[in-house]
Amino acid sequence: RMDWAKGLDFEVPQLESETLPDDVEYLYWIGCAGAFDDNARKTVRATAELLHHAGVKYVVLGDGETCTGDPARRSGNEFVFQLLAQQNVEVLDTVFAGREPGRRKIVTTCPHCFNTLGREYPQLDGHYEVVHHTQLLNQLVRDKKLVPVAGSDGAGSDQPQVTYHDPCYLGRHNEVYSPPRELVGASGVALKEMPRHADRSFCCGAGGARMWMEERIGKRVNLDRVDEAIATESTKIATGCPFCRVMLTDGLTTRESEGAAGNVTEVLDVAQLLLAGVKRGAGSSGAGNGHVDREGSDPEVAPAQGSGELESETPPSADSTTAESANPDGRNADEPKG
């Protein structure tokens, strides 16, 4: 489960004792996709690099981590879900032993893990403060611990154009809409929304365990969604979910084989966009063209918590085309507390 970390120029900290050291703030939950899928590994690597760059104290469980049980529950195997979930709750309760609720923090790059750990484990008395990586990374940008800048072509009308796909378990299930969009804007690219986005978004086709099923009737859902992305004339599709990334990449590959991919060249995670911007800004003074100045904004907002409660925000409007228009007053209701 640690192969994803090979080749990084720093050592990813693994938990070496039963409980978290006092100076560690987050348990970084990698997830099965992040551990084993090549594309998802790019996301967890980028996130690890960004956390390291920002000086965030975190650890991973390494081989001590197992599946959350989300796929089993979605496919109807409640027995397997209960076994996996109970096992994980026992492990996590030991890891966070002695910590008050507000310091039992988990960050993950997978919305399925995010939803299961934060909203379903409380059913088994597992209560944790779970945040998605886009929430934490956006907070770090707000706090200027990460300072991305635009590339040489990232100014004005020459900004590369990106469209963002809302993962169902991040958006509609947990109402996290603004952080990934703010990160897109901070990364020095222009956000072009698809007609169906935010709380009116459209599934990638992997939901309900259909990730492992072959569509045999009608148009494949992932092709429908990719066609919507292509229609925005963007060069990249950004998302914040390994399941969505697989489905959208497969759809894009199909359209490329048909010569119908338009301007779109790749599907990537928001963390990869941010990392590219931060690397451009490394060693530079101040913020560049791509940095979003959030001085004076209120970073104190609620993350997804083990209780399953999440403060809602007003989703980006249907005619919003940039990250700034998605949240004009600079406030979010879905950032992690510092």
Protein backbone atom coordinates (compact mmCIF):
# COMPACT_ATOMS: atom_id res chain seq x y z
CA ARG A 1 0.00 0.00 0.00
CA MET A 2 2.99 2.35 0.11
CA ASP A 3 4.18 1.87 -3.47
CA TRP A 4 2.51 5.19 -4.40
CA ALA A 5 5.14 7.04 -2.33
CA LYS A 6 8.16 5.62 -4.15
CA GLY A 7 10.23 8.26 -5.92
CA LEU A 8 9.13 11.24 -3.83
CA ASP A 9 12.03 13.43 -2.70
CA PHE A 10 10.93 13.21 0.93
CA GLU A 11 9.89 10.37 3.19
CA VAL A 12 6.16 10.03 3.72
CA PRO A 13 5.65 9.69 7.49
CA GLN A 14 4.03 6.42 8.56
CA LEU A 15 2.48 5.77 11.94
CA GLU A 16 5.10 3.94 14.00
CA SER A 17 3.11 3.52 17.21
CA GLU A 18 -0.47 2.63 18.07
CA THR A 19 -1.53 6.26 18.60
CA LEU A 20 -0.80 9.52 16.82
CA PRO A 21 2.07 11.59 18.22
CA ASP A 22 0.87 14.83 19.83
CA ASP A 23 2.42 17.02 17.13
CA VAL A 24 0.61 15.24 14.27
CA GLU A 25 -2.53 17.03 13.10
CA TYR A 26 -3.93 14.76 10.37
CA LEU A 27 -4.18 11.11 9.53
CA TYR A 28 -3.88 10.98 5.74
CA TRP A 29 -6.24 8.24 4.51
CA ILE A 30 -4.92 7.05 1.13
CA GLY A 31 -7.75 4.71 0.11
CA CYS A 32 -7.64 1.67 -2.15
CA ALA A 33 -7.64 3.67 -5.38
CA GLY A 34 -4.85 5.93 -4.17
CA ALA A 35 -2.79 2.92 -3.12
CA PHE A 36 -3.23 0.76 -6.21
CA ASP A 37 -4.56 2.73 -9.22
CA ASP A 38 -1.84 4.46 -11.26
CA ASN A 39 -3.86 7.60 -11.99
CA ALA A 40 -5.15 7.91 -8.43
CA ARG A 41 -1.58 7.57 -7.20
CA LYS A 42 -0.80 10.83 -8.99
CA THR A 43 -3.44 12.51 -6.85
CA VAL A 44 -2.23 11.16 -3.50
CA ARG A 45 1.37 11.95 -4.44
CA ALA A 46 0.46 15.52 -5.40
CA THR A 47 -1.47 15.96 -2.16
CA ALA A 48 1.40 14.55 -0.10
CA GLU A 49 3.82 16.95 -1.81
CA LEU A 50 1.54 19.90 -1.10
CA LEU A 51 1.07 18.96 2.55
CA HIS A 52 4.83 18.53 2.90
CA HIS A 53 5.46 21.89 1.21
CA ALA A 54 2.98 23.61 3.54
CA GLY A 55 4.50 22.06 6.65
CA VAL A 56 1.38 20.12 7.64
CA LYS A 57 2.09 17.40 10.20
CA TYR A 58 0.46 14.17 9.03
CA VAL A 59 0.99 10.42 8.98
CA VAL A 60 -0.34 7.53 6.92
CA LEU A 61 -1.24 4.05 8.14
CA GLY A 62 0.62 2.27 5.34
CA ASP A 63 -0.14 -1.44 5.38
CA GLY A 64 -2.32 -0.87 8.43
CA GLU A 65 -4.97 0.73 6.22
CA THR A 66 -7.77 -1.35 4.67
CA CYS A 67 -10.81 -0.64 2.50
CA THR A 68 -13.52 1.48 4.14
CA GLY A 69 -16.17 -0.93 2.85
CA ASP A 70 -17.85 1.61 0.60
CA PRO A 71 -17.89 -0.60 -2.54
CA ALA A 72 -19.35 -3.51 -0.55
CA ARG A 73 -22.22 -1.42 0.82
CA ARG A 74 -22.97 0.18 -2.56
CA SER A 75 -23.14 -3.24 -4.21
CA GLY A 76 -25.48 -4.58 -1.52
CA ASN A 77 -23.06 -6.66 0.56
CA GLU A 78 -23.85 -5.13 3.94
CA PHE A 79 -22.21 -8.03 5.79
CA VAL A 80 -18.78 -7.28 4.28
CA PHE A 81 -19.26 -3.56 4.88
CA GLN A 82 -19.98 -4.15 8.56
CA LEU A 83 -16.90 -6.35 8.95
CA LEU A 84 -14.59 -3.82 7.29
CA ALA A 85 -16.13 -0.80 8.98
CA GLN A 86 -16.00 -2.30 12.48
CA GLN A 87 -12.38 -3.29 11.94
CA ASN A 88 -11.49 0.23 10.79
CA VAL A 89 -13.34 1.90 13.66
CA GLU A 90 -11.33 -0.20 16.12
CA VAL A 91 -8.08 0.81 14.40
CA LEU A 92 -9.00 4.50 14.18
CA ASP A 93 -10.22 4.68 17.77
CA THR A 94 -6.85 3.31 18.85
CA VAL A 95 -4.99 5.75 16.59
CA PHE A 96 -6.91 8.71 18.03
CA ALA A 97 -6.98 7.42 21.63
CA GLY A 98 -6.92 10.27 24.15
CA ARG A 99 -7.81 12.94 21.62
CA GLU A 100 -10.87 15.12 21.96
CA PRO A 101 -13.34 15.07 19.00
CA GLY A 102 -11.94 18.21 17.37
CA ARG A 103 -8.47 16.64 17.08
CA ARG A 104 -9.50 13.33 15.52
CA LYS A 105 -8.75 14.62 12.03
CA ILE A 106 -8.64 12.63 8.80
CA VAL A 107 -7.93 13.97 5.31
CA THR A 108 -8.61 11.88 2.20
CA THR A 109 -8.56 12.39 -1.56
CA CYS A 110 -11.47 10.00 -2.21
CA PRO A 111 -15.04 11.31 -1.76
CA HIS A 112 -16.25 7.74 -1.25
CA CYS A 113 -13.87 7.33 1.71
CA PHE A 114 -14.73 10.88 2.80
CA ASN A 115 -18.44 10.08 2.90
CA THR A 116 -18.05 6.64 4.49
CA LEU A 117 -15.61 7.71 7.20
CA GLY A 118 -17.45 10.91 8.02
CA ARG A 119 -21.12 10.08 7.56
CA GLU A 120 -21.49 6.31 7.88
CA TYR A 121 -18.94 5.27 10.50
CA PRO A 122 -20.86 7.19 13.20
CA GLN A 123 -23.47 4.43 12.79
CA LEU A 124 -20.81 2.18 14.37
CA ASP A 125 -19.81 4.82 16.94
CA GLY A 126 -16.79 5.93 14.93
CA HIS A 127 -16.69 9.72 15.17
CA TYR A 128 -13.98 11.61 13.28
CA GLU A 129 -13.48 15.02 11.74
CA VAL A 130 -13.06 14.13 8.07
CA VAL A 131 -12.08 16.62 5.36
CA HIS A 132 -11.58 16.24 1.63
CA HIS A 133 -8.17 17.21 0.33
CA THR A 134 -9.60 20.12 -1.67
CA GLN A 135 -10.97 21.62 1.56
CA LEU A 136 -7.64 21.38 3.36
CA LEU A 137 -5.59 22.55 0.38
CA ASN A 138 -7.87 25.52 -0.16
CA GLN A 139 -7.44 26.47 3.50
CA LEU A 140 -3.67 26.29 3.06
CA VAL A 141 -3.89 28.61 0.05
CA ARG A 142 -6.07 31.01 2.03
CA ASP A 143 -3.51 30.97 4.84
CA LYS A 144 -0.75 31.56 2.26
CA LYS A 145 1.05 28.39 3.26
CA LEU A 146 0.73 27.41 -0.40
CA VAL A 147 1.28 30.15 -2.98
CA PRO A 148 0.53 29.03 -6.54
CA VAL A 149 1.31 31.27 -9.51
CA ALA A 150 0.21 31.16 -13.13
CA GLY A 151 2.44 30.04 -15.95
CA SER A 152 3.84 32.43 -18.55
CA ASP A 153 0.64 32.05 -20.57
CA GLY A 154 -1.64 32.21 -17.55
CA ALA A 155 -2.79 35.80 -17.76
CA GLY A 156 -6.03 37.30 -18.99
CA SER A 157 -7.66 35.75 -22.03
CA ASP A 158 -4.64 33.47 -22.54
CA GLN A 159 -5.39 31.45 -19.42
CA PRO A 160 -5.75 27.73 -20.10
CA GLN A 161 -9.41 26.75 -19.78
CA VAL A 162 -10.48 23.93 -17.46
CA THR A 163 -13.90 22.49 -16.68
CA TYR A 164 -14.64 20.93 -13.30
CA HIS A 165 -16.73 17.82 -12.67
CA ASP A 166 -18.44 17.59 -9.25
CA PRO A 167 -18.11 14.12 -7.68
CA CYS A 168 -21.48 13.05 -6.28
CA TYR A 169 -20.14 12.13 -2.84
CA LEU A 170 -18.28 15.42 -2.56
CA GLY A 171 -20.92 17.72 -3.99
CA ARG A 172 -24.53 16.69 -3.66
CA HIS A 173 -24.00 14.29 -0.74
CA ASN A 174 -21.73 16.58 1.30
CA GLU A 175 -22.29 20.02 -0.28
CA VAL A 176 -18.62 20.78 -0.94
CA TYR A 177 -18.68 22.97 -4.03
CA SER A 178 -16.46 26.04 -3.62
CA PRO A 179 -13.05 24.74 -2.40
CA PRO A 180 -12.17 22.82 -5.58
CA ARG A 181 -13.36 25.71 -7.72
CA GLU A 182 -11.29 28.22 -5.77
CA LEU A 183 -8.27 25.96 -6.18
CA VAL A 184 -8.78 25.86 -9.94
CA GLY A 185 -8.78 29.66 -10.02
CA ALA A 186 -5.77 29.89 -7.70
CA SER A 187 -3.85 27.51 -9.98
CA GLY A 188 -3.81 30.06 -12.79
CA VAL A 189 -6.42 28.59 -15.12
CA ALA A 190 -9.89 29.74 -16.13
CA LEU A 191 -12.85 27.65 -15.00
CA LYS A 192 -15.58 27.03 -17.57
CA GLU A 193 -18.61 25.34 -16.02
CA MET A 194 -20.65 22.67 -17.71
CA PRO A 195 -24.40 23.41 -17.83
CA ARG A 196 -25.00 20.70 -15.23
CA HIS A 197 -22.77 21.50 -12.27
CA ALA A 198 -22.72 21.97 -8.49
CA ASP A 199 -26.02 20.84 -6.91
CA ARG A 200 -27.42 20.16 -10.39
CA SER A 201 -24.41 18.16 -11.53
CA PHE A 202 -24.44 14.82 -13.35
CA CYS A 203 -22.93 11.52 -12.20
CA CYS A 204 -19.82 10.17 -13.94
CA GLY A 205 -21.44 6.75 -14.09
CA ALA A 206 -19.51 5.05 -11.26
CA GLY A 207 -22.08 5.61 -8.53
CA GLY A 208 -24.01 2.77 -6.89
CA ALA A 209 -21.17 0.30 -7.59
CA ARG A 210 -21.75 0.69 -11.34
CA MET A 211 -18.02 1.27 -11.60
CA TRP A 212 -17.78 -2.52 -11.95
CA MET A 213 -20.77 -3.04 -14.26
CA GLU A 214 -20.95 -2.87 -18.03
CA GLU A 215 -23.66 -0.64 -19.48
CA ARG A 216 -25.70 -2.58 -22.03
CA ILE A 217 -28.72 -0.33 -22.58
CA GLY A 218 -28.61 3.17 -24.02
CA LYS A 219 -25.73 5.64 -23.98
CA ARG A 220 -22.97 5.13 -21.43
CA VAL A 221 -23.24 7.72 -18.65
CA ASN A 222 -19.54 8.56 -18.70
CA LEU A 223 -19.70 9.31 -22.43
CA ASP A 224 -22.63 11.63 -21.84
CA ARG A 225 -20.67 13.51 -19.18
CA VAL A 226 -17.49 13.68 -21.26
CA ASP A 227 -19.49 15.09 -24.17
CA GLU A 228 -20.70 17.88 -21.87
CA ALA A 229 -17.09 18.61 -20.88
CA ILE A 230 -15.92 18.63 -24.49
CA ALA A 231 -18.65 21.12 -25.36
CA THR A 232 -17.10 23.69 -22.97
CA GLU A 233 -14.04 23.81 -25.29
CA SER A 234 -11.77 23.33 -22.27
CA THR A 235 -8.35 21.71 -22.56
CA LYS A 236 -8.59 19.72 -19.32
CA ILE A 237 -11.24 18.12 -17.12
CA ALA A 238 -10.51 18.53 -13.41
CA THR A 239 -12.19 16.52 -10.68
CA GLY A 240 -11.63 15.46 -7.07
CA CYS A 241 -12.45 11.75 -7.11
CA PRO A 242 -10.55 8.65 -8.29
CA PHE A 243 -13.80 6.95 -9.39
CA CYS A 244 -14.79 9.95 -11.51
CA ARG A 245 -11.30 10.15 -12.92
CA VAL A 246 -11.45 6.56 -14.17
CA MET A 247 -14.87 7.01 -15.77
CA LEU A 248 -14.06 10.35 -17.39
CA THR A 249 -10.68 9.11 -18.63
CA ASP A 250 -12.32 6.05 -20.20
CA GLY A 251 -14.91 8.27 -21.85
CA LEU A 252 -12.26 10.66 -23.15
CA THR A 253 -10.23 7.75 -24.54
CA THR A 254 -13.30 6.59 -26.46
CA ARG A 255 -13.93 10.05 -27.89
CA GLU A 256 -10.25 10.41 -28.82
CA SER A 257 -10.42 7.14 -30.76
CA GLU A 258 -13.38 8.61 -32.65
CA GLY A 259 -11.64 11.92 -33.28
CA ALA A 260 -14.32 13.68 -31.24
CA ALA A 261 -12.41 14.83 -28.14
CA GLY A 262 -12.35 18.50 -29.12
CA ASN A 263 -9.77 20.50 -27.17
CA VAL A 264 -9.70 18.16 -24.16
CA THR A 265 -6.35 16.45 -23.70
CA GLU A 266 -6.51 14.95 -20.20
CA VAL A 267 -8.42 14.35 -16.98
CA LEU A 268 -6.62 15.24 -13.76
CA ASP A 269 -7.21 15.99 -10.10
CA VAL A 270 -7.45 19.52 -8.74
CA ALA A 271 -4.43 18.78 -6.53
CA GLN A 272 -2.30 18.27 -9.64
CA LEU A 273 -3.32 21.68 -10.98
CA LEU A 274 -2.43 23.27 -7.66
CA LEU A 275 0.91 21.47 -7.39
CA ALA A 276 1.93 22.73 -10.83
CA GLY A 277 1.13 26.29 -9.74
CA VAL A 278 2.98 25.94 -6.44
CA LYS A 279 6.07 24.55 -8.19
CA ARG A 280 6.04 27.54 -10.54
CA GLY A 281 5.91 29.81 -7.52
CA ALA A 282 8.61 28.03 -5.53
CA GLY A 283 11.35 30.50 -4.71
CA SER A 284 9.44 33.48 -6.07
CA SER A 285 8.44 36.38 -3.84
CA GLY A 286 4.75 36.99 -3.32
CA ALA A 287 1.91 35.70 -5.44
CA GLY A 288 1.90 35.55 -9.19
CA ASN A 289 -0.89 36.01 -11.70
CA GLY A 290 -2.59 32.79 -10.70
CA HIS A 291 -2.74 33.48 -6.96
CA VAL A 292 -6.10 34.38 -5.55
CA ASP A 293 -5.72 36.99 -2.82
CA ARG A 294 -8.01 36.01 0.02
CA GLU A 295 -6.67 38.45 2.62
CA GLY A 296 -9.35 39.23 5.15
CA SER A 297 -11.63 36.33 4.26
CA ASP A 298 -13.02 34.16 7.03
CA PRO A 299 -11.38 30.73 7.02
CA GLU A 300 -13.33 29.44 10.02
CA VAL A 301 -15.83 27.11 8.44
CA ALA A 302 -17.03 23.58 9.11
CA PRO A 303 -15.54 20.41 7.59
CA ALA A 304 -17.39 17.16 7.08
CA GLN A 305 -17.56 15.65 10.55
CA GLY A 306 -18.28 12.23 11.96
CA SER A 307 -21.76 13.32 12.93
CA GLY A 308 -22.57 13.59 9.25
CA GLU A 309 -23.54 17.25 9.62
CA LEU A 310 -22.10 19.74 7.19
CA GLU A 311 -22.86 23.42 6.87
CA SER A 312 -24.37 24.05 3.48
CA GLU A 313 -23.27 26.73 1.06
CA THR A 314 -24.94 28.38 -1.86
CA PRO A 315 -23.83 26.34 -4.89
CA PRO A 316 -22.25 28.14 -7.85
CA SER A 317 -24.89 29.61 -10.12
CA ALA A 318 -25.66 28.03 -13.47
CA ASP A 319 -24.07 30.88 -15.41
CA SER A 320 -20.81 31.03 -13.42
CA THR A 321 -17.74 30.57 -15.59
CA THR A 322 -14.84 31.29 -13.25
CA ALA A 323 -13.77 30.19 -9.82
CA GLU A 324 -14.29 33.70 -8.53
CA SER A 325 -17.86 33.96 -9.79
CA ALA A 326 -18.63 30.73 -7.98
CA ASN A 327 -17.93 32.45 -4.67
CA PRO A 328 -17.78 36.23 -5.15
CA ASP A 329 -17.59 37.24 -1.49
CA GLY A 330 -14.62 34.99 -0.76
CA ARG A 331 -16.44 32.93 1.87
CA ASN A 332 -17.06 29.20 2.02
CA ALA A 333 -19.17 27.06 4.26
CA ASP A 334 -17.12 23.97 3.60
CA GLU A 335 -13.48 24.72 4.47
CA PRO A 336 -11.75 22.81 7.27
CA LYS A 337 -11.20 24.55 10.55
CA GLY A 338 -7.62 25.39 11.22
